[in-house]
Amino acid sequence: MKKKILIILSIVLIAVLLTIYILYIFNYIPHKKYSNADFGIEPYVSLVDQDEDGIDDQTDILNNVRNYIKTKPKYKSKYYATGYPNDEFGVCADVVAFGLKDAGYDLMNLVNEDVKNNRDSYNIEVVDKNIDFRRVNNLKVYFENNAITLTTDISKIKEWQGGDIVIFTKHIGIISDKRNKNGVPFVIHHANPYQKNYEEDILELRNDIVGHYRIS
């Protein structure tokens, strides 16, 4: 009897530990956050202030993204005649779009102009200004054409700064100024309806990083 109880307790313990591990990996359990100062990294400050609000672009983008996620947008992919979502819903690209928009970069118009000027670069059959800037593949092309291209090697932690843009195969987000214990930054993003936090420690779990950009 005692042996059976020990076996049952061991199984329960393993199940609990496994559950905790899974919850941690998927960021349901918060990860400890570190700052640039903890790793001797000087925060990048842009020399440009596109909207002339007294805040440099890099800082402005990061601040705007934080303001956007404070609204706690719900994940849903839908079309808007306004281009930018005007309700409580959104997708991954909207995190980037709103971050840049309030810093003076209207991606809806900017992407549309780039599509018209570089049609062969985009795999678009029918141009639609209201949705093209909310598609990851189009944003990848746009940033390749118009932003500073940076490393996709996450071990080069000093080259990843809050306010940068990271693109995955089918996803996009903004780099946070918070880092994990290895100095790898968190990502501010909106991936699915089940996501608990918008700022997550995910870069080391991804093997599909295809782009890393900075607004010039």
Protein backbone atom coordinates (compact mmCIF):
# COMPACT_ATOMS: atom_id res chain seq x y z
CA MET A 1 0.00 0.00 0.00
CA LYS A 2 2.78 2.44 0.96
CA LYS A 3 4.54 1.74 -2.35
CA LYS A 4 1.37 2.49 -4.32
CA ILE A 5 0.90 5.76 -2.44
CA LEU A 6 4.48 6.78 -3.22
CA ILE A 7 3.96 5.96 -6.91
CA ILE A 8 0.75 8.00 -7.01
CA LEU A 9 2.40 10.94 -5.23
CA SER A 10 5.33 10.78 -7.65
CA ILE A 11 2.98 10.84 -10.65
CA VAL A 12 1.05 13.78 -9.19
CA LEU A 13 4.28 15.67 -8.49
CA ILE A 14 5.56 15.08 -12.02
CA ALA A 15 2.22 16.22 -13.44
CA VAL A 16 2.29 19.38 -11.33
CA LEU A 17 5.89 20.17 -12.30
CA LEU A 18 5.14 19.51 -15.96
CA THR A 19 2.10 21.79 -15.81
CA ILE A 20 4.14 24.56 -14.18
CA TYR A 21 6.84 24.16 -16.84
CA ILE A 22 4.30 24.35 -19.68
CA LEU A 23 2.62 27.41 -18.15
CA TYR A 24 6.03 29.05 -17.79
CA ILE A 25 7.11 28.26 -21.34
CA PHE A 26 3.88 29.73 -22.70
CA ASN A 27 4.27 32.81 -20.50
CA TYR A 28 1.17 32.18 -18.39
CA ILE A 29 3.56 32.36 -15.47
CA PRO A 30 5.39 35.73 -15.69
CA HIS A 31 9.11 35.67 -16.42
CA LYS A 32 11.47 37.90 -14.45
CA LYS A 33 12.33 41.04 -16.39
CA TYR A 34 15.72 42.73 -16.55
CA SER A 35 16.70 46.11 -17.96
CA ASN A 36 19.41 47.21 -20.40
CA ALA A 37 21.41 48.46 -17.43
CA ASP A 38 21.61 44.93 -16.01
CA PHE A 39 23.69 43.95 -19.06
CA GLY A 40 25.58 47.19 -19.56
CA ILE A 41 23.62 47.98 -22.71
CA GLU A 42 23.13 51.61 -23.72
CA PRO A 43 19.55 52.16 -24.92
CA TYR A 44 19.38 53.27 -28.54
CA VAL A 45 18.06 56.78 -29.08
CA SER A 46 17.03 57.80 -32.58
CA LEU A 47 18.24 61.08 -34.05
CA VAL A 48 14.84 61.48 -35.72
CA ASP A 49 11.62 62.85 -34.22
CA GLN A 50 9.21 62.37 -37.12
CA ASP A 51 6.13 63.85 -35.43
CA GLU A 52 8.12 66.59 -33.68
CA ASP A 53 6.65 65.84 -30.27
CA GLY A 54 9.98 66.10 -28.48
CA ILE A 55 10.37 62.32 -28.21
CA ASP A 56 12.79 60.46 -30.48
CA ASP A 57 11.26 57.89 -32.84
CA GLN A 58 12.64 54.80 -31.10
CA THR A 59 11.31 55.83 -27.71
CA ASP A 60 8.09 57.15 -29.23
CA ILE A 61 7.33 53.84 -30.95
CA LEU A 62 7.93 51.87 -27.76
CA ASN A 63 5.79 54.25 -25.68
CA ASN A 64 2.97 54.13 -28.23
CA VAL A 65 2.99 50.35 -28.35
CA ARG A 66 2.70 50.21 -24.58
CA ASN A 67 -0.22 52.64 -24.73
CA TYR A 68 -1.87 50.46 -27.36
CA ILE A 69 -1.64 47.24 -25.36
CA LYS A 70 -3.04 49.02 -22.31
CA THR A 71 -6.33 49.02 -24.22
CA LYS A 72 -6.18 45.20 -24.06
CA PRO A 73 -7.22 44.59 -27.69
CA LYS A 74 -9.00 41.31 -28.35
CA TYR A 75 -7.62 39.13 -31.12
CA LYS A 76 -9.76 38.91 -34.21
CA SER A 77 -8.85 39.12 -37.89
CA LYS A 78 -11.38 41.30 -39.69
CA TYR A 79 -11.51 43.92 -42.44
CA TYR A 80 -11.93 47.62 -41.68
CA ALA A 81 -13.01 50.23 -44.20
CA THR A 82 -11.12 52.65 -41.95
CA GLY A 83 -7.89 50.68 -42.43
CA TYR A 84 -6.93 50.91 -38.78
CA PRO A 85 -9.19 48.99 -36.40
CA ASN A 86 -11.63 51.33 -34.68
CA ASP A 87 -12.97 48.95 -32.06
CA GLU A 88 -11.49 46.75 -29.34
CA PHE A 89 -10.18 44.13 -31.78
CA GLY A 90 -6.87 43.73 -33.58
CA VAL A 91 -4.14 41.40 -34.84
CA CYS A 92 -0.35 41.26 -34.64
CA ALA A 93 0.24 43.85 -37.35
CA ASP A 94 -1.89 46.40 -35.49
CA VAL A 95 0.60 46.48 -32.61
CA VAL A 96 3.22 47.71 -35.07
CA ALA A 97 0.85 49.94 -37.04
CA PHE A 98 -0.40 51.85 -34.01
CA GLY A 99 3.10 52.09 -32.55
CA LEU A 100 4.38 53.72 -35.72
CA LYS A 101 1.27 55.79 -36.46
CA ASP A 102 1.47 57.80 -33.27
CA ALA A 103 5.16 58.41 -33.92
CA GLY A 104 4.40 60.02 -37.27
CA TYR A 105 4.57 57.00 -39.60
CA ASP A 106 1.21 56.17 -41.19
CA LEU A 107 1.80 52.62 -42.40
CA MET A 108 -1.51 52.51 -44.25
CA ASN A 109 -0.37 55.27 -46.60
CA LEU A 110 3.33 54.42 -46.54
CA VAL A 111 2.82 50.77 -47.49
CA ASN A 112 0.31 51.73 -50.16
CA GLU A 113 2.80 54.13 -51.75
CA ASP A 114 5.55 51.52 -51.62
CA VAL A 115 3.28 48.92 -53.20
CA LYS A 116 2.47 51.29 -56.06
CA ASN A 117 6.15 52.16 -56.57
CA ASN A 118 7.48 48.60 -56.20
CA ARG A 119 4.61 46.39 -57.36
CA ASP A 120 6.92 43.60 -58.48
CA SER A 121 8.26 43.21 -54.93
CA TYR A 122 4.85 42.50 -53.47
CA ASN A 123 2.81 39.38 -54.06
CA ILE A 124 -0.48 41.25 -54.25
CA GLU A 125 -3.13 40.53 -56.86
CA VAL A 126 -5.53 43.31 -55.92
CA VAL A 127 -4.14 46.35 -54.11
CA ASP A 128 -6.28 47.38 -51.12
CA LYS A 129 -4.92 50.24 -49.05
CA ASN A 130 -7.16 49.33 -46.11
CA ILE A 131 -5.70 45.86 -45.56
CA ASP A 132 -2.32 45.61 -47.29
CA PHE A 133 -0.49 47.27 -44.39
CA ARG A 134 -1.93 44.73 -41.96
CA ARG A 135 -0.42 41.69 -43.69
CA VAL A 136 2.90 40.38 -42.37
CA ASN A 137 4.29 39.45 -45.80
CA ASN A 138 3.70 42.98 -47.07
CA LEU A 139 5.27 44.54 -43.99
CA LYS A 140 8.34 42.35 -44.48
CA VAL A 141 8.80 43.79 -47.96
CA TYR A 142 8.06 47.33 -46.81
CA PHE A 143 10.62 47.29 -44.00
CA GLU A 144 13.21 45.65 -46.25
CA ASN A 145 12.76 48.61 -48.59
CA ASN A 146 12.47 51.40 -46.05
CA ALA A 147 14.00 50.53 -42.68
CA ILE A 148 17.40 49.62 -41.28
CA THR A 149 17.93 45.86 -41.52
CA LEU A 150 19.52 44.35 -38.41
CA THR A 151 20.71 40.96 -37.20
CA THR A 152 18.34 38.06 -36.59
CA ASP A 153 20.90 36.44 -34.25
CA ILE A 154 19.39 36.80 -30.78
CA SER A 155 22.75 36.05 -29.12
CA LYS A 156 23.87 39.53 -30.19
CA ILE A 157 21.80 41.07 -27.44
CA LYS A 158 23.22 44.60 -27.74
CA GLU A 159 21.87 44.82 -31.28
CA TRP A 160 18.30 44.27 -30.12
CA GLN A 161 16.68 47.41 -28.74
CA GLY A 162 13.27 48.42 -27.47
CA GLY A 163 11.25 49.87 -30.34
CA ASP A 164 12.79 47.61 -33.00
CA ILE A 165 10.51 45.53 -35.21
CA VAL A 166 10.80 41.74 -35.38
CA ILE A 167 9.17 39.62 -38.06
CA PHE A 168 8.58 35.90 -37.93
CA THR A 169 7.36 33.69 -40.77
CA LYS A 170 3.71 34.53 -40.08
CA HIS A 171 3.89 36.99 -37.20
CA ILE A 172 5.22 40.42 -36.24
CA GLY A 173 5.90 42.36 -33.05
CA ILE A 174 7.85 45.15 -31.38
CA ILE A 175 10.96 44.50 -29.32
CA SER A 176 10.60 45.44 -25.65
CA ASP A 177 13.15 47.28 -23.53
CA LYS A 178 12.77 44.46 -20.97
CA ARG A 179 15.01 41.39 -21.17
CA ASN A 180 15.22 37.87 -19.79
CA LYS A 181 18.06 36.49 -17.65
CA ASN A 182 20.16 35.91 -20.78
CA GLY A 183 19.73 39.47 -21.99
CA VAL A 184 17.39 38.43 -24.81
CA PRO A 185 14.57 40.97 -25.09
CA PHE A 186 10.89 40.32 -24.59
CA VAL A 187 8.50 40.92 -27.50
CA ILE A 188 5.38 43.07 -27.36
CA HIS A 189 2.93 41.32 -29.65
CA HIS A 190 -0.59 39.99 -30.16
CA ALA A 191 -0.54 36.41 -31.37
CA ASN A 192 -3.87 34.73 -30.64
CA PRO A 193 -7.12 34.94 -28.62
CA TYR A 194 -5.64 32.86 -25.80
CA GLN A 195 -2.61 35.04 -25.10
CA LYS A 196 -2.60 36.24 -21.48
CA ASN A 197 0.15 38.88 -21.66
CA TYR A 198 1.12 41.14 -24.54
CA GLU A 199 4.77 41.41 -23.49
CA GLU A 200 6.36 37.96 -23.54
CA ASP A 201 9.69 36.15 -23.38
CA ILE A 202 9.43 34.28 -26.70
CA LEU A 203 12.49 34.99 -28.86
CA GLU A 204 14.50 32.02 -27.61
CA LEU A 205 11.57 29.72 -28.39
CA ARG A 206 11.26 30.81 -32.01
CA ASN A 207 13.19 29.37 -34.93
CA ASP A 208 11.32 31.39 -37.54
CA ILE A 209 12.73 34.92 -37.15
CA VAL A 210 12.98 36.28 -40.70
CA GLY A 211 13.50 39.98 -40.09
CA HIS A 212 14.69 42.57 -37.57
CA TYR A 213 14.32 46.24 -38.44
CA ARG A 214 14.66 49.73 -37.05
CA ILE A 215 12.92 52.84 -38.32
CA SER A 216 15.59 55.10 -39.80
